[in-house]
Structure formats: structure tokens, C-alpha cells
Amino acid sequence: MPRIIVFLGPSLDTGTAQSILSAEYRLPAKRGDILAAVRDGATIVGLIDGSFHQDAAVAHREILAAIRAGVTVTGSSSMGALRAAEMDTLGMKGIGEIYRKYASGELVSDDEVALVFDPVSGTALSEPLINIRYTLDAAGQQGIITQENRAALLDAAKSLFYPSRTYPGIVAAAGDAVERETGEKFLLWTEENRCDQKRADAIALLEYIRDLPP
């Protein structure tokens, strides 16, 4: 039987993950964690979440070492999408829309997927920019905001340091560029309709591993 180790954090709760794929779930990966998984006998590694600034990030060379050791290494959603886009020609398998956007060059900065989260519960405390983009697109399609509002809110989100990116914070940062009534309508809409592409991509990776042939 393959030994599957998945590095997961705020992108998806562990309970949902376990219902999709029976695996060993570890905290977001930092420098050296991929090599530790290989030493522990992993035959398949799923890299979803990883450290960005609080610890040294997963190194390219450790992923390459895992691949050369015969380990199947997959990535999606967050740090996994970044590393897969950088290393898909070297054997790492990328999954999901965020990976595809990095691979195509549509996204270039790790700022797009960065957020802060509670280290105990894993709950996200800020919104990653990539999810904000999808949410603004959906709000525009549903007539909640105009294209001008979308542009102003996206500019406001980009102007904030990633730990400060919350929807109330974004509306406040947009100031007079978005009318008060529109801002309030948008915030009410996000309570039930915000998009979470990182979660969707994390699920796609787990389903991909689950469906791999023996």
C-alpha cells in the first residue's frame, strides 16, 4: 500500500480532507518537511499549504530529491500550486485552477495565495488575493457590483498587506471609490457567497491522489 502524506492547513479542514482521501495529514510544510516525509516512507506527497514568511519555505531541491527518489509529488491551491508551476517540467504534478494560472504566467507573485491563519485551529484570518479575485468576478456577474467597483475593490485589496486583507478592510480601503450602499451590499453578499478557489483546488488534488491507479 502507498504511504500518502499531505501537507494541509487553512485551504481545507482535515475532516473534509479525510472524507475524500485517507492519508496522513501534516501541518503546512516548511523547509525540510518534504525530505522528512520521504525519510518517513512516503510514496505520494500532496503539497497544498506551506509556510511563506514565518518559516523558510519548501525548497525546490528537496522536491526534486523526492521526485528522484521515486516519490510522486503533487501540488495545488497555495504553496503547492506555486512549486508545481515552477517544477512541473521536472516531474511535479500540478492540480487545479490556481496552479494553471501560475503555470501560464497569469499569476506571478506568491502574494496571491498568502494569508494568515490561527496556528491552533488552522482557521484563515485573512483572505488570499486569488480568492478575492474570484469573489469580485462572481459579484460582478451577479450584479452586486459594477466593473468600476470591481476595479476599485481589487486595487484596494492589492494596496493592503496580505494579513490585513479582509472584505470589510478592502471596502474601507476603497473609500469613496465605492458608494457606501454598494459596499454594504457587497459585504452582506460575501457572507454567503464568497469564493474559495484554494479550497476547491485542495479538494481536486485529494481526488486526484485518491483516483491514482495502484
N, C-alpha and C. Protein backbone atom coordinates (compact mmCIF):
# COMPACT_ATOMS: atom_id res chain seq x y z
N MET A 1 0.84 -1.20 0.00
CA MET A 1 0.00 0.00 0.00
C MET A 1 0.88 1.26 0.00
N PRO A 2 0.49 2.27 -0.78
CA PRO A 2 1.27 3.50 -0.78
C PRO A 2 1.10 4.24 0.55
N ARG A 3 2.13 4.95 0.97
CA ARG A 3 2.01 5.81 2.13
C ARG A 3 1.85 7.23 1.63
N ILE A 4 0.72 7.82 1.94
CA ILE A 4 0.38 9.15 1.43
C ILE A 4 0.51 10.16 2.56
N ILE A 5 1.30 11.19 2.34
CA ILE A 5 1.45 12.28 3.30
C ILE A 5 1.05 13.58 2.61
N VAL A 6 0.12 14.30 3.23
CA VAL A 6 -0.39 15.54 2.65
C VAL A 6 -0.13 16.69 3.63
N PHE A 7 0.41 17.78 3.11
CA PHE A 7 0.65 18.98 3.92
C PHE A 7 -0.53 19.94 3.72
N LEU A 8 -1.28 20.13 4.78
CA LEU A 8 -2.56 20.83 4.67
C LEU A 8 -2.74 21.79 5.84
N GLY A 9 -3.33 22.95 5.56
CA GLY A 9 -3.60 23.93 6.60
C GLY A 9 -4.92 24.63 6.35
N PRO A 10 -4.90 25.95 6.16
CA PRO A 10 -6.15 26.69 6.05
C PRO A 10 -6.92 26.50 4.76
N SER A 11 -6.33 25.87 3.75
CA SER A 11 -7.05 25.69 2.49
C SER A 11 -8.25 24.76 2.62
N LEU A 12 -8.17 23.80 3.55
CA LEU A 12 -9.26 22.82 3.70
C LEU A 12 -9.17 22.20 5.09
N ASP A 13 -10.31 21.99 5.72
CA ASP A 13 -10.29 21.37 7.04
C ASP A 13 -9.97 19.88 6.92
N THR A 14 -9.31 19.35 7.94
CA THR A 14 -8.83 17.97 7.90
C THR A 14 -9.98 16.97 7.84
N GLY A 15 -11.08 17.27 8.50
CA GLY A 15 -12.22 16.36 8.47
C GLY A 15 -12.73 16.13 7.06
N THR A 16 -12.90 17.21 6.31
CA THR A 16 -13.34 17.08 4.92
C THR A 16 -12.28 16.35 4.10
N ALA A 17 -11.01 16.68 4.35
CA ALA A 17 -9.93 16.03 3.61
C ALA A 17 -9.94 14.53 3.84
N GLN A 18 -10.08 14.10 5.08
CA GLN A 18 -10.09 12.66 5.39
C GLN A 18 -11.27 11.95 4.76
N SER A 19 -12.40 12.66 4.60
CA SER A 19 -13.56 12.04 3.97
C SER A 19 -13.35 11.81 2.48
N ILE A 20 -12.39 12.53 1.90
CA ILE A 20 -12.08 12.37 0.48
C ILE A 20 -10.95 11.38 0.28
N LEU A 21 -9.90 11.50 1.10
CA LEU A 21 -8.69 10.68 0.93
C LEU A 21 -8.15 10.28 2.28
N SER A 22 -8.02 9.00 2.48
CA SER A 22 -7.38 8.50 3.71
C SER A 22 -5.87 8.67 3.57
N ALA A 23 -5.32 9.52 4.41
CA ALA A 23 -3.89 9.85 4.31
C ALA A 23 -3.41 10.36 5.65
N GLU A 24 -2.10 10.54 5.76
CA GLU A 24 -1.53 11.20 6.93
C GLU A 24 -1.44 12.69 6.63
N TYR A 25 -2.13 13.49 7.41
CA TYR A 25 -2.14 14.93 7.19
C TYR A 25 -1.21 15.62 8.18
N ARG A 26 -0.32 16.44 7.63
CA ARG A 26 0.64 17.18 8.43
C ARG A 26 0.41 18.68 8.27
N LEU A 27 0.98 19.45 9.17
CA LEU A 27 0.84 20.90 9.14
C LEU A 27 1.47 21.48 7.87
N PRO A 28 1.13 22.72 7.52
CA PRO A 28 1.74 23.34 6.33
C PRO A 28 3.25 23.15 6.31
N ALA A 29 3.75 22.81 5.14
CA ALA A 29 5.16 22.43 5.00
C ALA A 29 6.09 23.63 5.10
N LYS A 30 7.19 23.42 5.78
CA LYS A 30 8.28 24.39 5.82
C LYS A 30 9.53 23.70 5.27
N ARG A 31 10.61 24.43 5.21
CA ARG A 31 11.87 23.90 4.67
C ARG A 31 12.26 22.60 5.37
N GLY A 32 12.48 21.55 4.59
CA GLY A 32 12.91 20.27 5.12
C GLY A 32 11.80 19.27 5.34
N ASP A 33 10.55 19.71 5.31
CA ASP A 33 9.44 18.80 5.62
C ASP A 33 9.20 17.76 4.52
N ILE A 34 9.47 18.13 3.28
CA ILE A 34 9.29 17.16 2.19
C ILE A 34 10.33 16.03 2.33
N LEU A 35 11.55 16.40 2.63
CA LEU A 35 12.59 15.39 2.84
C LEU A 35 12.26 14.51 4.04
N ALA A 36 11.69 15.10 5.08
CA ALA A 36 11.30 14.32 6.25
C ALA A 36 10.21 13.32 5.89
N ALA A 37 9.29 13.70 5.03
CA ALA A 37 8.24 12.80 4.59
C ALA A 37 8.83 11.63 3.80
N VAL A 38 9.81 11.92 2.97
CA VAL A 38 10.48 10.86 2.21
C VAL A 38 11.18 9.89 3.16
N ARG A 39 11.87 10.43 4.15
CA ARG A 39 12.55 9.57 5.13
C ARG A 39 11.55 8.72 5.91
N ASP A 40 10.35 9.24 6.08
CA ASP A 40 9.31 8.51 6.81
C ASP A 40 8.58 7.48 5.95
N GLY A 41 9.00 7.37 4.70
CA GLY A 41 8.45 6.33 3.85
C GLY A 41 7.34 6.73 2.92
N ALA A 42 7.13 8.03 2.73
CA ALA A 42 6.07 8.47 1.83
C ALA A 42 6.35 8.00 0.41
N THR A 43 5.32 7.51 -0.24
CA THR A 43 5.41 7.19 -1.67
C THR A 43 4.65 8.22 -2.50
N ILE A 44 3.71 8.92 -1.87
CA ILE A 44 2.97 10.01 -2.52
C ILE A 44 2.94 11.19 -1.56
N VAL A 45 3.32 12.35 -2.04
CA VAL A 45 3.27 13.57 -1.23
C VAL A 45 2.31 14.55 -1.90
N GLY A 46 1.38 15.07 -1.12
CA GLY A 46 0.50 16.13 -1.58
C GLY A 46 0.87 17.43 -0.88
N LEU A 47 1.35 18.40 -1.62
CA LEU A 47 1.72 19.70 -1.06
C LEU A 47 0.60 20.69 -1.38
N ILE A 48 -0.14 21.07 -0.35
CA ILE A 48 -1.21 22.06 -0.51
C ILE A 48 -0.78 23.36 0.15
N ASP A 49 -0.65 23.34 1.47
CA ASP A 49 -0.28 24.55 2.20
C ASP A 49 1.17 24.49 2.67
N GLY A 50 1.78 25.66 2.74
CA GLY A 50 3.16 25.74 3.20
C GLY A 50 3.44 27.09 3.82
N SER A 51 4.55 27.20 4.49
CA SER A 51 4.97 28.46 5.11
C SER A 51 5.45 29.44 4.04
N PHE A 52 5.13 30.71 4.25
CA PHE A 52 5.58 31.75 3.33
C PHE A 52 6.61 32.65 3.98
N HIS A 53 6.28 33.18 5.14
CA HIS A 53 7.18 34.15 5.75
C HIS A 53 7.57 33.80 7.19
N GLN A 54 6.70 33.05 7.88
CA GLN A 54 7.00 32.75 9.28
C GLN A 54 8.11 31.72 9.43
N ASP A 55 8.31 30.85 8.43
CA ASP A 55 9.39 29.88 8.40
C ASP A 55 9.96 29.86 6.99
N ALA A 56 11.13 29.25 6.84
CA ALA A 56 11.71 29.10 5.50
C ALA A 56 10.80 28.21 4.65
N ALA A 57 10.56 28.63 3.43
CA ALA A 57 9.64 27.91 2.55
C ALA A 57 10.26 26.61 2.04
N VAL A 58 9.39 25.72 1.59
CA VAL A 58 9.83 24.47 0.99
C VAL A 58 10.80 24.76 -0.16
N ALA A 59 11.92 24.08 -0.16
CA ALA A 59 12.93 24.32 -1.18
C ALA A 59 12.69 23.48 -2.43
N HIS A 60 13.05 24.05 -3.58
CA HIS A 60 12.91 23.32 -4.84
C HIS A 60 13.76 22.04 -4.82
N ARG A 61 14.94 22.13 -4.24
CA ARG A 61 15.84 20.99 -4.29
C ARG A 61 15.31 19.80 -3.49
N GLU A 62 14.55 20.06 -2.42
CA GLU A 62 14.03 18.92 -1.66
C GLU A 62 12.89 18.24 -2.43
N ILE A 63 12.11 19.03 -3.15
CA ILE A 63 11.07 18.43 -4.00
C ILE A 63 11.72 17.59 -5.10
N LEU A 64 12.77 18.14 -5.71
CA LEU A 64 13.47 17.40 -6.76
C LEU A 64 14.10 16.12 -6.20
N ALA A 65 14.63 16.19 -5.00
CA ALA A 65 15.21 14.99 -4.37
C ALA A 65 14.14 13.93 -4.14
N ALA A 66 12.94 14.36 -3.74
CA ALA A 66 11.84 13.41 -3.53
C ALA A 66 11.45 12.76 -4.85
N ILE A 67 11.36 13.55 -5.89
CA ILE A 67 10.99 13.01 -7.21
C ILE A 67 12.04 12.01 -7.69
N ARG A 68 13.30 12.34 -7.50
CA ARG A 68 14.38 11.45 -7.93
C ARG A 68 14.40 10.16 -7.11
N ALA A 69 13.85 10.23 -5.90
CA ALA A 69 13.76 9.03 -5.06
C ALA A 69 12.55 8.16 -5.41
N GLY A 70 11.79 8.60 -6.43
CA GLY A 70 10.65 7.81 -6.87
C GLY A 70 9.33 8.17 -6.23
N VAL A 71 9.30 9.25 -5.46
CA VAL A 71 8.07 9.68 -4.80
C VAL A 71 7.22 10.50 -5.77
N THR A 72 5.93 10.25 -5.81
CA THR A 72 5.00 11.06 -6.59
C THR A 72 4.70 12.33 -5.79
N VAL A 73 5.06 13.47 -6.33
CA VAL A 73 4.86 14.74 -5.63
C VAL A 73 3.84 15.57 -6.41
N THR A 74 2.76 15.94 -5.72
CA THR A 74 1.70 16.73 -6.34
C THR A 74 1.53 18.04 -5.59
N GLY A 75 0.99 19.05 -6.26
CA GLY A 75 0.81 20.33 -5.61
C GLY A 75 -0.41 21.06 -6.13
N SER A 76 -1.05 21.82 -5.24
CA SER A 76 -2.20 22.62 -5.65
C SER A 76 -2.45 23.73 -4.64
N SER A 77 -3.35 24.62 -4.98
CA SER A 77 -4.03 25.54 -4.06
C SER A 77 -3.19 26.71 -3.57
N SER A 78 -2.07 26.44 -2.90
CA SER A 78 -1.31 27.50 -2.25
C SER A 78 0.17 27.34 -2.57
N MET A 79 0.99 27.04 -1.57
CA MET A 79 2.39 26.78 -1.83
C MET A 79 2.55 25.65 -2.85
N GLY A 80 1.67 24.67 -2.79
CA GLY A 80 1.74 23.55 -3.72
C GLY A 80 1.56 23.99 -5.16
N ALA A 81 0.65 24.95 -5.40
CA ALA A 81 0.45 25.46 -6.75
C ALA A 81 1.67 26.22 -7.24
N LEU A 82 2.26 27.02 -6.35
CA LEU A 82 3.46 27.77 -6.70
C LEU A 82 4.60 26.83 -7.11
N ARG A 83 4.89 25.86 -6.24
CA ARG A 83 6.01 24.98 -6.52
C ARG A 83 5.75 24.10 -7.74
N ALA A 84 4.51 23.67 -7.92
CA ALA A 84 4.20 22.82 -9.08
C ALA A 84 4.40 23.59 -10.39
N ALA A 85 4.01 24.86 -10.40
CA ALA A 85 4.19 25.67 -11.60
C ALA A 85 5.66 25.86 -11.93
N GLU A 86 6.49 25.90 -10.89
CA GLU A 86 7.93 26.07 -11.09
C GLU A 86 8.63 24.77 -11.45
N MET A 87 8.01 23.63 -11.10
CA MET A 87 8.71 22.35 -11.21
C MET A 87 7.93 21.29 -12.00
N ASP A 88 6.90 21.70 -12.74
CA ASP A 88 6.13 20.70 -13.47
C ASP A 88 6.93 20.06 -14.60
N THR A 89 7.94 20.75 -15.10
CA THR A 89 8.77 20.15 -16.15
C THR A 89 9.80 19.19 -15.57
N LEU A 90 9.92 19.17 -14.24
CA LEU A 90 10.89 18.30 -13.57
C LEU A 90 10.21 17.11 -12.88
N GLY A 91 8.90 16.98 -13.07
CA GLY A 91 8.23 15.80 -12.55
C GLY A 91 7.18 16.03 -11.50
N MET A 92 7.04 17.27 -11.01
CA MET A 92 5.99 17.55 -10.02
C MET A 92 4.67 17.74 -10.76
N LYS A 93 3.59 17.18 -10.22
CA LYS A 93 2.28 17.25 -10.86
C LYS A 93 1.45 18.36 -10.24
N GLY A 94 1.05 19.33 -11.05
CA GLY A 94 0.21 20.42 -10.58
C GLY A 94 -1.26 20.14 -10.84
N ILE A 95 -2.11 20.55 -9.90
CA ILE A 95 -3.55 20.32 -9.99
C ILE A 95 -4.28 21.62 -9.71
N GLY A 96 -5.34 21.91 -10.45
CA GLY A 96 -6.24 23.00 -10.10
C GLY A 96 -6.04 24.28 -10.88
N GLU A 97 -7.02 25.18 -10.72
CA GLU A 97 -7.04 26.43 -11.46
C GLU A 97 -5.90 27.37 -11.04
N ILE A 98 -5.59 27.41 -9.75
CA ILE A 98 -4.54 28.32 -9.31
C ILE A 98 -3.19 27.88 -9.87
N TYR A 99 -2.93 26.58 -9.84
CA TYR A 99 -1.70 26.06 -10.47
C TYR A 99 -1.66 26.47 -11.94
N ARG A 100 -2.76 26.30 -12.66
CA ARG A 100 -2.77 26.61 -14.09
C ARG A 100 -2.50 28.11 -14.33
N LYS A 101 -3.01 28.96 -13.45
CA LYS A 101 -2.77 30.39 -13.63
C LYS A 101 -1.30 30.74 -13.38
N TYR A 102 -0.68 30.09 -12.42
CA TYR A 102 0.75 30.31 -12.21
C TYR A 102 1.55 29.74 -13.38
N ALA A 103 1.20 28.56 -13.83
CA ALA A 103 1.94 27.92 -14.91
C ALA A 103 1.86 28.73 -16.21
N SER A 104 0.72 29.39 -16.43
CA SER A 104 0.54 30.17 -17.67
C SER A 104 1.16 31.56 -17.57
N GLY A 105 1.53 31.97 -16.35
CA GLY A 105 2.08 33.30 -16.16
C GLY A 105 1.04 34.35 -15.83
N GLU A 106 -0.23 33.94 -15.77
CA GLU A 106 -1.29 34.90 -15.40
C GLU A 106 -1.09 35.40 -13.97
N LEU A 107 -0.60 34.52 -13.10
CA LEU A 107 -0.22 34.89 -11.74
C LEU A 107 1.29 34.72 -11.61
N VAL A 108 1.93 35.62 -10.88
CA VAL A 108 3.39 35.52 -10.73
C VAL A 108 3.85 35.63 -9.28
N SER A 109 3.08 36.29 -8.44
CA SER A 109 3.52 36.58 -7.08
C SER A 109 2.94 35.61 -6.07
N ASP A 110 3.76 35.21 -5.08
CA ASP A 110 3.23 34.36 -4.01
C ASP A 110 2.24 35.13 -3.13
N ASP A 111 2.21 36.45 -3.26
CA ASP A 111 1.25 37.29 -2.55
C ASP A 111 -0.19 36.91 -2.89
N GLU A 112 -0.40 36.31 -4.05
CA GLU A 112 -1.76 35.93 -4.46
C GLU A 112 -2.38 34.88 -3.54
N VAL A 113 -1.58 34.01 -2.98
CA VAL A 113 -2.12 32.91 -2.18
C VAL A 113 -1.78 33.03 -0.69
N ALA A 114 -1.03 34.06 -0.33
CA ALA A 114 -0.61 34.22 1.06
C ALA A 114 -1.77 34.68 1.94
N LEU A 115 -1.80 34.17 3.17
CA LEU A 115 -2.76 34.61 4.17
C LEU A 115 -2.20 34.33 5.55
N VAL A 116 -2.89 34.78 6.58
CA VAL A 116 -2.53 34.43 7.95
C VAL A 116 -3.64 33.54 8.50
N PHE A 117 -3.25 32.63 9.39
CA PHE A 117 -4.22 31.71 9.96
C PHE A 117 -3.89 31.41 11.40
N ASP A 118 -4.89 30.99 12.14
CA ASP A 118 -4.71 30.61 13.53
C ASP A 118 -3.89 29.33 13.58
N PRO A 119 -2.73 29.33 14.25
CA PRO A 119 -1.87 28.14 14.23
C PRO A 119 -2.46 26.95 14.98
N VAL A 120 -3.44 27.20 15.85
CA VAL A 120 -4.06 26.11 16.61
C VAL A 120 -5.22 25.49 15.83
N SER A 121 -6.15 26.32 15.39
CA SER A 121 -7.34 25.81 14.71
C SER A 121 -7.15 25.67 13.21
N GLY A 122 -6.16 26.40 12.65
CA GLY A 122 -5.97 26.40 11.20
C GLY A 122 -6.92 27.31 10.47
N THR A 123 -7.77 28.04 11.20
CA THR A 123 -8.75 28.92 10.58
C THR A 123 -8.08 30.13 9.93
N ALA A 124 -8.46 30.42 8.69
CA ALA A 124 -7.90 31.57 7.99
C ALA A 124 -8.36 32.86 8.66
N LEU A 125 -7.44 33.80 8.83
CA LEU A 125 -7.74 35.09 9.46
C LEU A 125 -7.71 36.23 8.45
N SER A 126 -7.33 35.94 7.23
CA SER A 126 -7.36 36.93 6.16
C SER A 126 -7.73 36.22 4.87
N GLU A 127 -8.04 37.00 3.85
CA GLU A 127 -8.45 36.44 2.55
C GLU A 127 -7.28 36.50 1.57
N PRO A 128 -6.96 35.38 0.93
CA PRO A 128 -5.91 35.43 -0.10
C PRO A 128 -6.40 36.19 -1.32
N LEU A 129 -5.50 36.88 -1.96
CA LEU A 129 -5.87 37.73 -3.10
C LEU A 129 -6.53 36.93 -4.21
N ILE A 130 -6.09 35.71 -4.45
CA ILE A 130 -6.69 34.92 -5.52
C ILE A 130 -8.16 34.66 -5.26
N ASN A 131 -8.54 34.38 -4.00
CA ASN A 131 -9.95 34.20 -3.68
C ASN A 131 -10.74 35.50 -3.84
N ILE A 132 -10.09 36.61 -3.50
CA ILE A 132 -10.73 37.91 -3.66
C ILE A 132 -11.04 38.16 -5.13
N ARG A 133 -10.12 37.82 -6.01
CA ARG A 133 -10.35 37.98 -7.46
C ARG A 133 -11.59 37.21 -7.90
N TYR A 134 -11.67 35.94 -7.50
CA TYR A 134 -12.82 35.12 -7.89
C TYR A 134 -14.12 35.67 -7.29
N THR A 135 -14.05 36.14 -6.06
CA THR A 135 -15.24 36.69 -5.41
C THR A 135 -15.72 37.95 -6.11
N LEU A 136 -14.81 38.83 -6.46
CA LEU A 136 -15.18 40.05 -7.16
C LEU A 136 -15.78 39.74 -8.53
N ASP A 137 -15.20 38.76 -9.22
CA ASP A 137 -15.76 38.36 -10.51
C ASP A 137 -17.19 37.86 -10.36
N ALA A 138 -17.43 37.03 -9.36
CA ALA A 138 -18.77 36.48 -9.13
C ALA A 138 -19.75 37.59 -8.75
N ALA A 139 -19.30 38.52 -7.91
CA ALA A 139 -20.17 39.63 -7.51
C ALA A 139 -20.54 40.50 -8.71
N GLY A 140 -19.58 40.69 -9.61
CA GLY A 140 -19.87 41.45 -10.82
C GLY A 140 -20.85 40.73 -11.72
N GLN A 141 -20.67 39.42 -11.88
CA GLN A 141 -21.56 38.64 -12.73
C GLN A 141 -22.99 38.62 -12.20
N GLN A 142 -23.12 38.70 -10.88
CA GLN A 142 -24.46 38.67 -10.27
C GLN A 142 -25.05 40.06 -10.07
N GLY A 143 -24.36 41.09 -10.55
CA GLY A 143 -24.89 42.44 -10.48
C GLY A 143 -24.79 43.09 -9.12
N ILE A 144 -23.97 42.54 -8.24
CA ILE A 144 -23.80 43.13 -6.91
C ILE A 144 -22.93 44.38 -6.99
N ILE A 145 -21.93 44.33 -7.85
CA ILE A 145 -21.03 45.47 -8.05
C ILE A 145 -20.86 45.70 -9.55
N THR A 146 -20.45 46.91 -9.92
CA THR A 146 -20.14 47.22 -11.31
C THR A 146 -18.68 46.89 -11.61
N GLN A 147 -18.32 46.95 -12.87
CA GLN A 147 -16.92 46.72 -13.24
C GLN A 147 -16.01 47.79 -12.64
N GLU A 148 -16.54 49.01 -12.51
CA GLU A 148 -15.75 50.07 -11.87
C GLU A 148 -15.55 49.77 -10.39
N ASN A 149 -16.61 49.27 -9.73
CA ASN A 149 -16.49 48.86 -8.34
C ASN A 149 -15.48 47.74 -8.19
N ARG A 150 -15.55 46.78 -9.11
CA ARG A 150 -14.62 45.64 -9.05
C ARG A 150 -13.18 46.12 -9.13
N ALA A 151 -12.91 47.01 -10.07
CA ALA A 151 -11.54 47.52 -10.23
C ALA A 151 -11.09 48.26 -8.97
N ALA A 152 -11.98 49.07 -8.39
CA ALA A 152 -11.61 49.83 -7.20
C ALA A 152 -11.36 48.91 -6.01
N LEU A 153 -12.19 47.89 -5.85
CA LEU A 153 -12.04 46.96 -4.73
C LEU A 153 -10.78 46.11 -4.91
N LEU A 154 -10.48 45.71 -6.14
CA LEU A 154 -9.27 44.93 -6.37
C LEU A 154 -8.03 45.78 -6.10
N ASP A 155 -8.04 47.03 -6.54
CA ASP A 155 -6.92 47.92 -6.24
C ASP A 155 -6.75 48.10 -4.74
N ALA A 156 -7.86 48.21 -4.04
CA ALA A 156 -7.81 48.36 -2.58
C ALA A 156 -7.21 47.12 -1.93
N ALA A 157 -7.62 45.95 -2.42
CA ALA A 157 -7.08 44.70 -1.87
C ALA A 157 -5.58 44.60 -2.10
N LYS A 158 -5.14 44.97 -3.29
CA LYS A 158 -3.71 44.92 -3.61
C LYS A 158 -2.91 45.89 -2.75
N SER A 159 -3.54 46.98 -2.35
CA SER A 159 -2.82 48.00 -1.57
C SER A 159 -2.59 47.57 -0.13
N LEU A 160 -3.32 46.58 0.33
CA LEU A 160 -3.21 46.11 1.71
C LEU A 160 -2.16 45.01 1.83
N PHE A 161 -1.41 45.01 2.91
CA PHE A 161 -0.51 43.91 3.22
C PHE A 161 -1.36 42.67 3.47
N TYR A 162 -0.91 41.51 3.02
CA TYR A 162 -1.79 40.34 2.99
C TYR A 162 -2.45 39.98 4.33
N PRO A 163 -1.83 40.20 5.51
CA PRO A 163 -2.55 39.87 6.74
C PRO A 163 -3.77 40.76 6.99
N SER A 164 -3.84 41.91 6.31
CA SER A 164 -4.94 42.86 6.51
C SER A 164 -6.06 42.69 5.50
N ARG A 165 -5.94 41.71 4.64
CA ARG A 165 -6.96 41.55 3.59
C ARG A 165 -8.19 40.80 4.12
N THR A 166 -9.17 41.56 4.52
CA THR A 166 -10.50 41.04 4.85
C THR A 166 -11.48 41.85 4.02
N TYR A 167 -12.67 41.32 3.80
CA TYR A 167 -13.61 42.07 2.96
C TYR A 167 -14.00 43.41 3.57
N PRO A 168 -14.27 43.50 4.89
CA PRO A 168 -14.52 44.83 5.46
C PRO A 168 -13.32 45.76 5.29
N GLY A 169 -12.11 45.22 5.45
CA GLY A 169 -10.92 46.03 5.29
C GLY A 169 -10.75 46.53 3.86
N ILE A 170 -11.11 45.70 2.90
CA ILE A 170 -11.00 46.08 1.49
C ILE A 170 -11.98 47.19 1.16
N VAL A 171 -13.22 47.04 1.62
CA VAL A 171 -14.23 48.07 1.36
C VAL A 171 -13.81 49.38 2.00
N ALA A 172 -13.29 49.32 3.22
CA ALA A 172 -12.83 50.53 3.89
C ALA A 172 -11.68 51.18 3.13
N ALA A 173 -10.75 50.35 2.62
CA ALA A 173 -9.60 50.87 1.89
C ALA A 173 -10.00 51.50 0.56
N ALA A 174 -11.11 51.02 -0.01
CA ALA A 174 -11.58 51.59 -1.29
C ALA A 174 -12.11 53.00 -1.11
N GLY A 175 -12.56 53.33 0.10
CA GLY A 175 -13.03 54.68 0.40
C GLY A 175 -14.17 55.14 -0.49
N ASP A 176 -14.05 56.37 -0.98
CA ASP A 176 -15.12 56.97 -1.77
C ASP A 176 -15.24 56.39 -3.17
N ALA A 177 -14.30 55.54 -3.56
CA ALA A 177 -14.38 54.93 -4.90
C ALA A 177 -15.54 53.96 -5.01
N VAL A 178 -16.06 53.51 -3.86
CA VAL A 178 -17.22 52.63 -3.84
C VAL A 178 -18.26 53.26 -2.93
N GLU A 179 -19.46 53.49 -3.44
CA GLU A 179 -20.51 54.11 -2.65
C GLU A 179 -20.82 53.25 -1.41
N ARG A 180 -21.20 53.94 -0.34
CA ARG A 180 -21.44 53.24 0.93
C ARG A 180 -22.49 52.15 0.78
N GLU A 181 -23.57 52.45 0.10
CA GLU A 181 -24.64 51.46 -0.07
C GLU A 181 -24.14 50.24 -0.83
N THR A 182 -23.33 50.47 -1.86
CA THR A 182 -22.78 49.35 -2.65
C THR A 182 -21.83 48.53 -1.80
N GLY A 183 -20.98 49.19 -1.02
CA GLY A 183 -20.06 48.48 -0.15
C GLY A 183 -20.78 47.61 0.85
N GLU A 184 -21.86 48.14 1.45
CA GLU A 184 -22.62 47.37 2.42
C GLU A 184 -23.32 46.18 1.76
N LYS A 185 -23.83 46.40 0.57
CA LYS A 185 -24.48 45.33 -0.18
C LYS A 185 -23.49 44.22 -0.51
N PHE A 186 -22.30 44.61 -0.92
CA PHE A 186 -21.26 43.65 -1.25
C PHE A 186 -20.84 42.84 -0.02
N LEU A 187 -20.64 43.52 1.10
CA LEU A 187 -20.24 42.81 2.32
C LEU A 187 -21.31 41.82 2.77
N LEU A 188 -22.57 42.20 2.67
CA LEU A 188 -23.65 41.29 3.03
C LEU A 188 -23.65 40.08 2.10
N TRP A 189 -23.41 40.31 0.83
CA TRP A 189 -23.38 39.23 -0.16
C TRP A 189 -22.22 38.27 0.12
N THR A 190 -21.07 38.79 0.52
CA THR A 190 -19.90 37.92 0.74
C THR A 190 -20.09 36.96 1.91
N GLU A 191 -20.99 37.29 2.82
CA GLU A 191 -21.19 36.41 3.98
C GLU A 191 -21.61 35.01 3.57
N GLU A 192 -22.32 34.90 2.46
CA GLU A 192 -22.79 33.60 1.99
C GLU A 192 -22.23 33.19 0.64
N ASN A 193 -21.63 34.13 -0.08
CA ASN A 193 -21.30 33.86 -1.49
C ASN A 193 -19.84 34.03 -1.86
N ARG A 194 -18.98 34.32 -0.88
CA ARG A 194 -17.56 34.50 -1.22
C ARG A 194 -17.01 33.23 -1.84
N CYS A 195 -16.09 33.37 -2.76
CA CYS A 195 -15.50 32.23 -3.46
C CYS A 195 -14.24 31.76 -2.74
N ASP A 196 -14.00 30.47 -2.80
CA ASP A 196 -12.81 29.89 -2.16
C ASP A 196 -12.16 28.92 -3.14
N GLN A 197 -11.41 29.48 -4.08
CA GLN A 197 -10.76 28.64 -5.10
C GLN A 197 -9.66 27.79 -4.49
N LYS A 198 -9.02 28.27 -3.44
CA LYS A 198 -7.98 27.46 -2.80
C LYS A 198 -8.59 26.17 -2.24
N ARG A 199 -9.76 26.26 -1.64
CA ARG A 199 -10.43 25.06 -1.13
C ARG A 199 -10.78 24.11 -2.27
N ALA A 200 -11.33 24.66 -3.35
CA ALA A 200 -11.72 23.83 -4.49
C ALA A 200 -10.51 23.10 -5.07
N ASP A 201 -9.37 23.79 -5.15
CA ASP A 201 -8.18 23.17 -5.71
C ASP A 201 -7.59 22.13 -4.77
N ALA A 202 -7.70 22.37 -3.46
CA ALA A 202 -7.23 21.37 -2.49
C ALA A 202 -8.04 20.09 -2.64
N ILE A 203 -9.34 20.22 -2.78
CA ILE A 203 -10.20 19.05 -2.98
C ILE A 203 -9.83 18.32 -4.27
N ALA A 204 -9.56 19.09 -5.33
CA ALA A 204 -9.19 18.48 -6.61
C ALA A 204 -7.92 17.65 -6.48
N LEU A 205 -6.95 18.14 -5.71
CA LEU A 205 -5.70 17.38 -5.52
C LEU A 205 -5.97 16.07 -4.78
N LEU A 206 -6.76 16.14 -3.72
CA LEU A 206 -7.06 14.92 -2.96
C LEU A 206 -7.79 13.91 -3.82
N GLU A 207 -8.70 14.37 -4.64
CA GLU A 207 -9.42 13.46 -5.54
C GLU A 207 -8.48 12.87 -6.58
N TYR A 208 -7.53 13.66 -7.04
CA TYR A 208 -6.55 13.15 -8.00
C TYR A 208 -5.73 12.01 -7.38
N ILE A 209 -5.22 12.24 -6.16
CA ILE A 209 -4.43 11.19 -5.49
C ILE A 209 -5.30 9.96 -5.24
N ARG A 210 -6.52 10.18 -4.78
CA ARG A 210 -7.43 9.06 -4.48
C ARG A 210 -7.64 8.18 -5.71
N ASP A 211 -7.70 8.80 -6.89
CA ASP A 211 -8.04 8.08 -8.10
C ASP A 211 -6.83 7.58 -8.87
N LEU A 212 -5.62 7.77 -8.32
CA LEU A 212 -4.43 7.22 -8.98
C LEU A 212 -4.54 5.71 -9.04
N PRO A 213 -4.10 5.09 -10.13
CA PRO A 213 -4.11 3.64 -10.20
C PRO A 213 -3.11 3.05 -9.22
N PRO A 214 -3.34 1.86 -8.74
CA PRO A 214 -2.42 1.21 -7.79
C PRO A 214 -1.01 1.13 -8.37
